[in-house]
Each structure stands twice: as structure tokens, then as C-alpha cells.
Amino acid sequence: MLLAQVLILEGNAGEALAEIERSRPPTPEPEQLLQRGKILEFNGRHDDAIPEYQRAIAIDPELHEARFLYGRMLHYKGGHAKAISELRKVLDAPRAKTAAWYPEVWLNIGVAQQAQGKHDEAIASLTKATELDAKLGEAWAKMGRFHGDRNEHAKAITALEKAIAVGPKEAYWYPDALIDLGRAQSKAGKSSEAKKSLDEFLKVAPADHTSRAEAERLLGEL
């Protein structure tokens, strides 16, 4: 199991999955189920990961990371109300508050609330996430996008600039934050800033990113 954890940190998802399969004990152990769920999720097998988290929680309700990841998966699958319910159980667990991933609980509650159309509650949850971890770039990026969706350009720009500042640049959300920032700056009349953001987006975004055409169009209009 420990070898599998090392392999997943190194990015060897396939080998990690093979090792975690070899680690199955005669009697199910919650920690092994948690790690197997995480590795399955890393391999894109989300539907297989969910039952592992559920089994881990059933054996040990105090295994808060498993409940956190289960709640996050529920949101990804569209079960926003159930996701929030599970994630709030983690918030109420004193031992969870010291975990490195604890601010991400607030982040995931926020995105689930936004999916329910609860903008103000979502922003409050994302604000809590950034108060707990000012370097949680994804929370800043989501906050900026949500403000941008409501044409709150100044607030969007502030949040997105923080997201870009803390990064990391290799994060999956980083190109999206740049295009969101470029949009907000363009709408706010900040042409020179928008050009910089959009140029940077075109440099770092994957070739098949769906917003590349929009970025090129906006640059042509500025």
C-alpha cells in the first residue's frame, strides 16, 4: 500500500493501481480502501472509486478524508445536495480541521452551492477556503469565474489575479483562470491587461482547449 502511494505521487497511476490491488488484506481495512479509491480516481475510474470511499466510511466513520473525497465525487456526479451534506459532516469533525486538505472541503462546498444557483453562499464558502489557505489557487479561480458569470468584473479580476499569482501554473484550472481574467479585463475596459492575460492563455493552454478561438477573437477586437 505504501509503495502504491509513492507510485501515485510519482505519477505512475497504472503501477500504483497494480500495487494497491496486491495490498488487499483478508479483512477489509478502511485505510486500504481509501487509498484504492484515490488511485482509482487518479486513473479516471470515478465510478469504481465511489464504492471504495463508501466502504471505508462504513467501517470507520471517523476516516474524514474518505468522506471528503466521497462528497467531492458526489458533486462531480451531479448530486450537489448530497455532496454538501457529506462535506458538512467533515466540517463538523474537529479532527479534520488540522488536515492539509481541509480548506478544499470549503472549496468543494462552494462549487456545489454554485451549481445549485446559490451564488452568495458559494462565494462565502470560497472566501472561507481562501481564508484558511490563501494559496489555494483553485478557490480564487472559482470565485473569479462565479463573479464573472454575474458581470461583477472588478471582483472577478481581483480574485483571478490572486489565482494567477499563487498558481501553480501546471494546475488544470490555470488556463481557464487566464481566459476568465482576460474576459473580465476586456469587459472592464482594461485592454492592455486583457491582452497580456489572453496572450499568456494562448501560451499555456492545450492545443485543443475550447476557449482558444475566443481568446484569438478577443485579441483581434482589443
C-alpha atoms as a PDB file:
ATOM      1  CA  MET A   1       0.000   0.000   0.000  1.00  0.00           C
ATOM      2  CA  LEU A   2       2.830   2.398   0.835  1.00  0.00           C
ATOM      3  CA  LEU A   3       4.541   1.564  -2.454  1.00  0.00           C
ATOM      4  CA  ALA A   4       1.301   2.377  -4.264  1.00  0.00           C
ATOM      5  CA  GLN A   5       1.174   5.754  -2.520  1.00  0.00           C
ATOM      6  CA  VAL A   6       4.734   6.519  -3.624  1.00  0.00           C
ATOM      7  CA  LEU A   7       3.982   5.499  -7.200  1.00  0.00           C
ATOM      8  CA  ILE A   8       0.898   7.720  -7.390  1.00  0.00           C
ATOM      9  CA  LEU A   9       2.940  10.671  -6.133  1.00  0.00           C
ATOM     10  CA  GLU A  10       5.408   9.961  -8.939  1.00  0.00           C
ATOM     11  CA  GLY A  11       2.578   9.934 -11.452  1.00  0.00           C
ATOM     12  CA  ASN A  12       2.740   6.205 -12.174  1.00  0.00           C
ATOM     13  CA  ALA A  13      -1.014   5.661 -11.980  1.00  0.00           C
ATOM     14  CA  GLY A  14      -1.073   2.262 -13.657  1.00  0.00           C
ATOM     15  CA  GLU A  15       1.685   0.789 -11.496  1.00  0.00           C
ATOM     16  CA  ALA A  16       0.109   2.283  -8.384  1.00  0.00           C
ATOM     17  CA  LEU A  17      -3.163   0.558  -9.198  1.00  0.00           C
ATOM     18  CA  ALA A  18      -1.382  -2.768  -9.636  1.00  0.00           C
ATOM     19  CA  GLU A  19       0.333  -2.415  -6.257  1.00  0.00           C
ATOM     20  CA  ILE A  20      -2.814  -1.392  -4.398  1.00  0.00           C
ATOM     21  CA  GLU A  21      -4.555  -4.457  -5.824  1.00  0.00           C
ATOM     22  CA  ARG A  22      -1.761  -6.628  -4.366  1.00  0.00           C
ATOM     23  CA  SER A  23      -2.207  -4.998  -0.958  1.00  0.00           C
ATOM     24  CA  ARG A  24      -5.737  -6.309  -0.315  1.00  0.00           C
ATOM     25  CA  PRO A  25      -5.855  -7.716   3.246  1.00  0.00           C
ATOM     26  CA  PRO A  26      -8.017 -10.749   4.195  1.00  0.00           C
ATOM     27  CA  THR A  27     -10.322  -8.415   6.133  1.00  0.00           C
ATOM     28  CA  PRO A  28     -11.180  -5.031   4.538  1.00  0.00           C
ATOM     29  CA  GLU A  29      -9.242  -2.156   6.099  1.00  0.00           C
ATOM     30  CA  PRO A  30     -10.553   1.414   5.747  1.00  0.00           C
ATOM     31  CA  GLU A  31      -7.155   2.962   5.009  1.00  0.00           C
ATOM     32  CA  GLN A  32      -6.518   0.498   2.184  1.00  0.00           C
ATOM     33  CA  LEU A  33      -9.985   1.179   0.775  1.00  0.00           C
ATOM     34  CA  LEU A  34      -9.320   4.925   0.937  1.00  0.00           C
ATOM     35  CA  GLN A  35      -6.018   4.590  -0.900  1.00  0.00           C
ATOM     36  CA  ARG A  36      -7.556   2.282  -3.504  1.00  0.00           C
ATOM     37  CA  GLY A  37     -10.336   4.811  -4.093  1.00  0.00           C
ATOM     38  CA  LYS A  38      -7.815   7.626  -4.540  1.00  0.00           C
ATOM     39  CA  ILE A  39      -5.787   5.603  -7.036  1.00  0.00           C
ATOM     40  CA  LEU A  40      -8.873   4.540  -8.965  1.00  0.00           C
ATOM     41  CA  GLU A  41      -9.931   8.195  -9.103  1.00  0.00           C
ATOM     42  CA  PHE A  42      -6.460   9.181 -10.328  1.00  0.00           C
ATOM     43  CA  ASN A  43      -6.858   6.585 -13.095  1.00  0.00           C
ATOM     44  CA  GLY A  44     -10.151   8.188 -14.139  1.00  0.00           C
ATOM     45  CA  ARG A  45     -12.244   5.321 -12.774  1.00  0.00           C
ATOM     46  CA  HIS A  46     -14.577   7.523 -10.756  1.00  0.00           C
ATOM     47  CA  ASP A  47     -17.498   5.102 -10.663  1.00  0.00           C
ATOM     48  CA  ASP A  48     -15.181   2.465  -9.172  1.00  0.00           C
ATOM     49  CA  ALA A  49     -13.692   4.890  -6.649  1.00  0.00           C
ATOM     50  CA  ILE A  50     -17.014   5.871  -5.070  1.00  0.00           C
ATOM     51  CA  PRO A  51     -17.811   2.422  -3.589  1.00  0.00           C
ATOM     52  CA  GLU A  52     -14.315   2.251  -2.095  1.00  0.00           C
ATOM     53  CA  TYR A  53     -14.888   5.522  -0.236  1.00  0.00           C
ATOM     54  CA  GLN A  54     -18.313   4.305   0.893  1.00  0.00           C
ATOM     55  CA  ARG A  55     -16.873   1.050   2.252  1.00  0.00           C
ATOM     56  CA  ALA A  56     -14.104   2.925   4.068  1.00  0.00           C
ATOM     57  CA  ILE A  57     -16.639   5.239   5.739  1.00  0.00           C
ATOM     58  CA  ALA A  58     -18.887   2.312   6.671  1.00  0.00           C
ATOM     59  CA  ILE A  59     -16.012   0.624   8.509  1.00  0.00           C
ATOM     60  CA  ASP A  60     -14.587   3.819  10.012  1.00  0.00           C
ATOM     61  CA  PRO A  61     -16.947   6.838  10.079  1.00  0.00           C
ATOM     62  CA  GLU A  62     -14.067   8.888  11.507  1.00  0.00           C
ATOM     63  CA  LEU A  63     -11.947   8.463   8.355  1.00  0.00           C
ATOM     64  CA  HIS A  64     -12.696  12.019   7.312  1.00  0.00           C
ATOM     65  CA  GLU A  65     -10.573  12.095   4.169  1.00  0.00           C
ATOM     66  CA  ALA A  66     -12.674   9.272   2.715  1.00  0.00           C
ATOM     67  CA  ARG A  67     -15.864  11.221   3.432  1.00  0.00           C
ATOM     68  CA  PHE A  68     -14.352  14.378   1.932  1.00  0.00           C
ATOM     69  CA  LEU A  69     -13.417  12.563  -1.279  1.00  0.00           C
ATOM     70  CA  TYR A  70     -16.790  10.816  -1.374  1.00  0.00           C
ATOM     71  CA  GLY A  71     -18.572  14.171  -1.059  1.00  0.00           C
ATOM     72  CA  ARG A  72     -16.403  15.656  -3.791  1.00  0.00           C
ATOM     73  CA  MET A  73     -17.228  12.762  -6.097  1.00  0.00           C
ATOM     74  CA  LEU A  74     -20.943  13.171  -5.403  1.00  0.00           C
ATOM     75  CA  HIS A  75     -20.696  16.767  -6.619  1.00  0.00           C
ATOM     76  CA  TYR A  76     -18.838  15.710  -9.768  1.00  0.00           C
ATOM     77  CA  LYS A  77     -21.618  13.203 -10.471  1.00  0.00           C
ATOM     78  CA  GLY A  78     -24.303  15.900 -10.078  1.00  0.00           C
ATOM     79  CA  GLY A  79     -25.517  15.067  -6.569  1.00  0.00           C
ATOM     80  CA  HIS A  80     -24.921  18.554  -5.211  1.00  0.00           C
ATOM     81  CA  ALA A  81     -27.261  18.467  -2.202  1.00  0.00           C
ATOM     82  CA  LYS A  82     -25.955  15.076  -1.066  1.00  0.00           C
ATOM     83  CA  ALA A  83     -22.388  16.277  -1.627  1.00  0.00           C
ATOM     84  CA  ILE A  84     -22.905  19.310   0.583  1.00  0.00           C
ATOM     85  CA  SER A  85     -24.477  17.136   3.285  1.00  0.00           C
ATOM     86  CA  GLU A  86     -21.464  14.801   3.344  1.00  0.00           C
ATOM     87  CA  LEU A  87     -18.928  17.625   3.182  1.00  0.00           C
ATOM     88  CA  ARG A  88     -20.576  19.465   6.076  1.00  0.00           C
ATOM     89  CA  LYS A  89     -20.118  16.352   8.216  1.00  0.00           C
ATOM     90  CA  VAL A  90     -16.390  16.761   7.608  1.00  0.00           C
ATOM     91  CA  LEU A  91     -16.545  20.440   8.557  1.00  0.00           C
ATOM     92  CA  ASP A  92     -18.126  19.459  11.872  1.00  0.00           C
ATOM     93  CA  ALA A  93     -15.381  16.927  12.705  1.00  0.00           C
ATOM     94  CA  PRO A  94     -12.778  18.580  14.972  1.00  0.00           C
ATOM     95  CA  ARG A  95     -10.001  16.188  13.930  1.00  0.00           C
ATOM     96  CA  ALA A  96     -10.468  17.068  10.262  1.00  0.00           C
ATOM     97  CA  LYS A  97      -9.681  20.741  10.810  1.00  0.00           C
ATOM     98  CA  THR A  98      -5.938  20.073  11.057  1.00  0.00           C
ATOM     99  CA  ALA A  99      -5.743  18.158   7.763  1.00  0.00           C
ATOM    100  CA  ALA A 100      -3.904  19.765   4.859  1.00  0.00           C
ATOM    101  CA  TRP A 101      -6.917  19.181   2.591  1.00  0.00           C
ATOM    102  CA  TYR A 102      -9.441  20.799   4.975  1.00  0.00           C
ATOM    103  CA  PRO A 103      -9.677  24.131   3.052  1.00  0.00           C
ATOM    104  CA  GLU A 104     -10.630  22.110  -0.026  1.00  0.00           C
ATOM    105  CA  VAL A 105     -13.768  20.977   1.798  1.00  0.00           C
ATOM    106  CA  TRP A 106     -14.967  24.581   1.758  1.00  0.00           C
ATOM    107  CA  LEU A 107     -13.901  24.864  -1.891  1.00  0.00           C
ATOM    108  CA  ASN A 108     -15.994  21.872  -2.892  1.00  0.00           C
ATOM    109  CA  ILE A 109     -18.983  23.051  -0.865  1.00  0.00           C
ATOM    110  CA  GLY A 110     -18.717  26.357  -2.704  1.00  0.00           C
ATOM    111  CA  VAL A 111     -18.739  24.853  -6.185  1.00  0.00           C
ATOM    112  CA  ALA A 112     -21.653  22.579  -5.233  1.00  0.00           C
ATOM    113  CA  GLN A 113     -23.590  25.588  -3.919  1.00  0.00           C
ATOM    114  CA  GLN A 114     -22.927  27.491  -7.138  1.00  0.00           C
ATOM    115  CA  ALA A 115     -24.236  24.510  -9.109  1.00  0.00           C
ATOM    116  CA  GLN A 116     -27.444  24.873  -7.081  1.00  0.00           C
ATOM    117  CA  GLY A 117     -27.678  28.549  -8.024  1.00  0.00           C
ATOM    118  CA  LYS A 118     -26.722  29.740  -4.527  1.00  0.00           C
ATOM    119  CA  HIS A 119     -24.207  32.382  -5.578  1.00  0.00           C
ATOM    120  CA  ASP A 120     -23.863  34.279  -2.309  1.00  0.00           C
ATOM    121  CA  GLU A 121     -23.438  31.095  -0.293  1.00  0.00           C
ATOM    122  CA  ALA A 122     -20.894  29.812  -2.800  1.00  0.00           C
ATOM    123  CA  ILE A 123     -18.820  32.981  -2.571  1.00  0.00           C
ATOM    124  CA  ALA A 124     -18.935  32.823   1.242  1.00  0.00           C
ATOM    125  CA  SER A 125     -17.684  29.227   1.197  1.00  0.00           C
ATOM    126  CA  LEU A 126     -14.899  30.019  -1.273  1.00  0.00           C
ATOM    127  CA  THR A 127     -13.914  33.019   0.840  1.00  0.00           C
ATOM    128  CA  LYS A 128     -13.649  30.711   3.844  1.00  0.00           C
ATOM    129  CA  ALA A 129     -11.422  28.378   1.810  1.00  0.00           C
ATOM    130  CA  THR A 130      -9.056  31.220   0.913  1.00  0.00           C
ATOM    131  CA  GLU A 131      -9.021  32.498   4.486  1.00  0.00           C
ATOM    132  CA  LEU A 132      -7.834  29.073   5.602  1.00  0.00           C
ATOM    133  CA  ASP A 133      -5.334  28.776   2.750  1.00  0.00           C
ATOM    134  CA  ALA A 134      -4.506  31.964   0.857  1.00  0.00           C
ATOM    135  CA  LYS A 135      -2.503  29.892  -1.653  1.00  0.00           C
ATOM    136  CA  LEU A 136      -5.444  27.730  -2.670  1.00  0.00           C
ATOM    137  CA  GLY A 137      -5.420  28.983  -6.233  1.00  0.00           C
ATOM    138  CA  GLU A 138      -8.366  26.902  -7.379  1.00  0.00           C
ATOM    139  CA  ALA A 139     -10.634  28.583  -4.835  1.00  0.00           C
ATOM    140  CA  TRP A 140      -9.585  32.033  -6.099  1.00  0.00           C
ATOM    141  CA  ALA A 141     -10.124  30.855  -9.698  1.00  0.00           C
ATOM    142  CA  LYS A 142     -13.620  29.537  -8.983  1.00  0.00           C
ATOM    143  CA  MET A 143     -14.505  32.711  -7.096  1.00  0.00           C
ATOM    144  CA  GLY A 144     -13.346  34.800 -10.042  1.00  0.00           C
ATOM    145  CA  ARG A 145     -15.340  32.744 -12.524  1.00  0.00           C
ATOM    146  CA  PHE A 146     -18.504  32.942 -10.423  1.00  0.00           C
ATOM    147  CA  HIS A 147     -18.167  36.719 -10.109  1.00  0.00           C
ATOM    148  CA  GLY A 148     -17.522  36.958 -13.841  1.00  0.00           C
ATOM    149  CA  ASP A 149     -20.659  34.969 -14.618  1.00  0.00           C
ATOM    150  CA  ARG A 150     -22.626  37.690 -12.810  1.00  0.00           C
ATOM    151  CA  ASN A 151     -20.760  40.515 -14.587  1.00  0.00           C
ATOM    152  CA  GLU A 152     -19.088  41.542 -11.330  1.00  0.00           C
ATOM    153  CA  HIS A 153     -15.942  42.399 -13.238  1.00  0.00           C
ATOM    154  CA  ALA A 154     -13.938  44.175 -10.546  1.00  0.00           C
ATOM    155  CA  LYS A 155     -14.465  41.344  -8.066  1.00  0.00           C
ATOM    156  CA  ALA A 156     -13.705  38.780 -10.758  1.00  0.00           C
ATOM    157  CA  ILE A 157     -10.442  40.483 -11.677  1.00  0.00           C
ATOM    158  CA  THR A 158      -9.308  40.702  -8.046  1.00  0.00           C
ATOM    159  CA  ALA A 159      -9.930  37.010  -7.408  1.00  0.00           C
ATOM    160  CA  LEU A 160      -8.484  35.818 -10.727  1.00  0.00           C
ATOM    161  CA  GLU A 161      -5.334  37.892 -10.329  1.00  0.00           C
ATOM    162  CA  LYS A 162      -4.782  36.165  -6.980  1.00  0.00           C
ATOM    163  CA  ALA A 163      -5.369  32.776  -8.601  1.00  0.00           C
ATOM    164  CA  ILE A 164      -2.753  33.505 -11.257  1.00  0.00           C
ATOM    165  CA  ALA A 165      -0.324  34.845  -8.662  1.00  0.00           C
ATOM    166  CA  VAL A 166      -0.401  31.750  -6.455  1.00  0.00           C
ATOM    167  CA  GLY A 167      -0.768  29.164  -9.231  1.00  0.00           C
ATOM    168  CA  PRO A 168       0.589  26.634  -9.738  1.00  0.00           C
ATOM    169  CA  LYS A 169       0.896  27.116 -13.490  1.00  0.00           C
ATOM    170  CA  GLU A 170       0.646  23.389 -14.162  1.00  0.00           C
ATOM    171  CA  ALA A 171      -2.745  23.134 -12.428  1.00  0.00           C
ATOM    172  CA  TYR A 172      -5.630  22.013 -14.621  1.00  0.00           C
ATOM    173  CA  TRP A 173      -7.587  25.198 -13.818  1.00  0.00           C
ATOM    174  CA  TYR A 174      -4.755  27.668 -14.601  1.00  0.00           C
ATOM    175  CA  PRO A 175      -5.523  28.228 -18.331  1.00  0.00           C
ATOM    176  CA  ASP A 176      -9.217  28.663 -17.506  1.00  0.00           C
ATOM    177  CA  ALA A 177      -8.320  31.306 -14.921  1.00  0.00           C
ATOM    178  CA  LEU A 178      -6.317  33.193 -17.542  1.00  0.00           C
ATOM    179  CA  ILE A 179      -9.130  33.228 -20.106  1.00  0.00           C
ATOM    180  CA  ASP A 180     -11.609  34.225 -17.377  1.00  0.00           C
ATOM    181  CA  LEU A 181      -9.281  37.047 -16.354  1.00  0.00           C
ATOM    182  CA  GLY A 182      -8.872  38.191 -19.939  1.00  0.00           C
ATOM    183  CA  ARG A 183     -12.662  38.249 -20.406  1.00  0.00           C
ATOM    184  CA  ALA A 184     -13.225  40.247 -17.223  1.00  0.00           C
ATOM    185  CA  GLN A 185     -10.471  42.729 -18.039  1.00  0.00           C
ATOM    186  CA  SER A 186     -11.815  43.181 -21.557  1.00  0.00           C
ATOM    187  CA  LYS A 187     -15.344  43.832 -20.292  1.00  0.00           C
ATOM    188  CA  ALA A 188     -13.980  46.257 -17.687  1.00  0.00           C
ATOM    189  CA  GLY A 189     -12.210  48.257 -20.408  1.00  0.00           C
ATOM    190  CA  LYS A 190      -8.712  47.214 -19.330  1.00  0.00           C
ATOM    191  CA  SER A 191      -7.444  46.465 -22.817  1.00  0.00           C
ATOM    192  CA  SER A 192      -3.697  46.286 -22.169  1.00  0.00           C
ATOM    193  CA  GLU A 193      -4.156  43.980 -19.163  1.00  0.00           C
ATOM    194  CA  ALA A 194      -6.590  41.832 -21.143  1.00  0.00           C
ATOM    195  CA  LYS A 195      -4.070  41.429 -23.975  1.00  0.00           C
ATOM    196  CA  LYS A 196      -1.430  40.188 -21.543  1.00  0.00           C
ATOM    197  CA  SER A 197      -3.805  37.677 -19.968  1.00  0.00           C
ATOM    198  CA  LEU A 198      -5.055  36.393 -23.309  1.00  0.00           C
ATOM    199  CA  ASP A 199      -1.540  36.132 -24.767  1.00  0.00           C
ATOM    200  CA  GLU A 200      -0.453  34.143 -21.721  1.00  0.00           C
ATOM    201  CA  PHE A 201      -3.514  31.929 -22.037  1.00  0.00           C
ATOM    202  CA  LEU A 202      -2.603  31.077 -25.637  1.00  0.00           C
ATOM    203  CA  LYS A 203       0.908  30.182 -24.492  1.00  0.00           C
ATOM    204  CA  VAL A 204      -0.111  27.770 -21.736  1.00  0.00           C
ATOM    205  CA  ALA A 205      -3.493  26.375 -22.872  1.00  0.00           C
ATOM    206  CA  PRO A 206      -3.564  22.940 -24.508  1.00  0.00           C
ATOM    207  CA  ALA A 207      -3.877  22.987 -28.308  1.00  0.00           C
ATOM    208  CA  ASP A 208      -7.398  21.576 -28.071  1.00  0.00           C
ATOM    209  CA  HIS A 209      -8.638  23.985 -25.395  1.00  0.00           C
ATOM    210  CA  THR A 210     -12.166  25.049 -26.309  1.00  0.00           C
ATOM    211  CA  SER A 211     -11.517  28.727 -25.497  1.00  0.00           C
ATOM    212  CA  ARG A 212      -8.555  29.267 -27.843  1.00  0.00           C
ATOM    213  CA  ALA A 213     -10.775  30.615 -30.640  1.00  0.00           C
ATOM    214  CA  GLU A 214     -12.472  33.009 -28.232  1.00  0.00           C
ATOM    215  CA  ALA A 215      -9.115  34.273 -26.958  1.00  0.00           C
ATOM    216  CA  GLU A 216      -7.929  34.940 -30.504  1.00  0.00           C
ATOM    217  CA  ARG A 217     -11.188  36.745 -31.315  1.00  0.00           C
ATOM    218  CA  LEU A 218     -10.944  38.938 -28.214  1.00  0.00           C
ATOM    219  CA  LEU A 219      -7.342  39.800 -29.024  1.00  0.00           C
ATOM    220  CA  GLY A 220      -8.418  40.860 -32.500  1.00  0.00           C
ATOM    221  CA  GLU A 221     -11.043  43.157 -31.001  1.00  0.00           C
ATOM    222  CA  LEU A 222      -8.754  44.839 -28.465  1.00  0.00           C
END
